[in-house]
Protein backbone atom coordinates (compact mmCIF):
# COMPACT_ATOMS: atom_id res chain seq x y z
CA MET A 1 89.46 93.86 117.26
CA LEU A 2 90.39 90.61 115.43
CA HIS A 3 93.87 89.36 115.72
CA GLY A 4 95.84 86.50 114.11
CA ILE A 5 94.15 83.64 112.19
CA PRO A 6 90.56 85.11 112.14
CA LEU A 7 91.71 88.40 110.64
CA LEU A 8 93.68 86.39 107.90
CA VAL A 9 90.50 84.23 107.25
CA LEU A 10 88.49 87.42 106.97
CA ILE A 11 90.94 88.88 104.58
CA LEU A 12 90.58 85.69 102.38
CA ILE A 13 86.92 85.78 102.36
CA VAL A 14 86.73 89.51 101.55
CA SER A 15 89.33 89.23 98.85
CA THR A 16 87.44 86.20 97.35
CA ILE A 17 84.11 88.10 97.25
CA ALA A 18 85.80 91.27 95.84
CA VAL A 19 87.43 89.48 93.04
CA SER A 20 84.36 87.44 92.33
CA ALA A 21 82.27 90.52 92.13
CA LEU A 22 84.82 92.17 89.93
CA ILE A 23 84.78 89.29 87.42
CA TRP A 24 80.84 89.08 87.55
CA SER A 25 80.59 92.80 86.69
CA MET A 26 83.05 92.58 83.74
CA ARG A 27 80.24 91.62 81.35
CA ARG A 28 78.85 95.12 81.65
CA LEU A 29 82.12 96.90 81.09
CA LYS A 30 83.60 98.21 77.86
CA LEU A 31 86.45 96.50 76.30
CA ARG A 32 89.11 98.89 77.55
CA ALA A 33 87.86 98.57 81.00
CA GLN A 34 87.81 94.81 80.75
CA PHE A 35 91.38 94.95 79.65
CA LEU A 36 92.39 97.05 82.58
CA VAL A 37 90.68 94.63 84.90
CA LEU A 38 92.76 91.78 83.41
CA LEU A 39 95.83 93.98 83.78
CA GLY A 40 95.15 94.63 87.34
CA LEU A 41 94.70 90.93 88.11
CA GLY A 42 97.93 90.27 86.48
CA LEU A 43 99.62 92.87 88.56
CA MET A 44 98.04 91.49 91.49
CA ILE A 45 99.43 88.09 91.04
CA GLY A 46 102.98 89.62 90.64
CA PHE A 47 102.60 91.67 93.78
CA LEU A 48 101.58 88.57 95.74
CA PHE A 49 104.49 86.57 94.53
CA LEU A 50 106.66 89.39 95.67
CA ILE A 51 105.12 89.39 99.04
CA LEU A 52 105.62 85.74 99.34
CA VAL A 53 109.26 85.96 98.56
CA GLN A 54 110.10 89.14 100.42
CA LEU A 55 108.22 88.65 103.77
CA PRO A 56 109.17 85.51 105.64
CA ASP A 57 106.51 86.14 108.28
CA PHE A 58 103.66 86.17 105.72
CA PRO A 59 101.57 83.07 106.05
CA ARG A 60 102.18 80.89 103.13
CA TRP A 61 98.66 79.36 103.03
CA LEU A 62 97.21 82.80 102.69
CA GLY A 63 99.49 83.82 99.96
CA ILE A 64 98.97 80.55 97.97
CA SER A 65 95.13 80.80 98.50
CA LEU A 66 95.16 84.49 97.28
CA ILE A 67 97.17 83.60 94.20
CA THR A 68 94.96 80.68 93.40
CA ILE A 69 91.87 82.80 93.67
CA VAL A 70 93.21 85.54 91.44
CA PHE A 71 94.63 83.02 88.90
CA VAL A 72 91.38 81.08 88.71
CA ALA A 73 89.40 84.43 88.39
CA SER A 74 91.59 85.62 85.68
CA GLN A 75 90.74 82.71 83.49
CA PHE A 76 87.19 83.53 83.68
CA GLY A 77 87.99 87.17 83.01
CA VAL A 78 90.04 86.23 79.90
CA ARG A 79 87.20 84.15 78.68
CA ILE A 80 84.56 87.15 79.18
CA PHE A 81 87.20 89.49 77.44
CA LEU A 82 87.61 87.24 74.39
CA ARG A 83 83.83 86.77 74.02
CA SER A 84 83.37 90.57 74.25
CA LEU A 85 86.23 90.97 71.66
CA LYS A 86 84.50 88.61 69.39
CA ASN A 87 81.18 90.31 69.66
CA GLU A 88 82.67 93.73 68.90
C-alpha cells in the first residue's frame, strides 16, 4: 500500500493524464458536451480552492499543481469549444 508522498505524486500524475485525455477527446464531442466539460473544469477549480482553504493539512504543492493543471487545460478546452462553435 502506498503512503505519503508517493501516493500524492501518483494522484498528481493520474489527474494530469485524466484531464489531458478529457481535453484531447473534446474535439469529438458535441457542443453541449463540450460546454459541460468546461463547466466541470470550472467547478473543479472552485472545489480545489475550497479544499486548499478549508483543509490545513492538505499539501499546498499538490493543490497548487492540480489547480495549475486544470487551469491550463481549461484554456485549451475553451479554444476547442470556440472553434467548434465557429464551425457550427
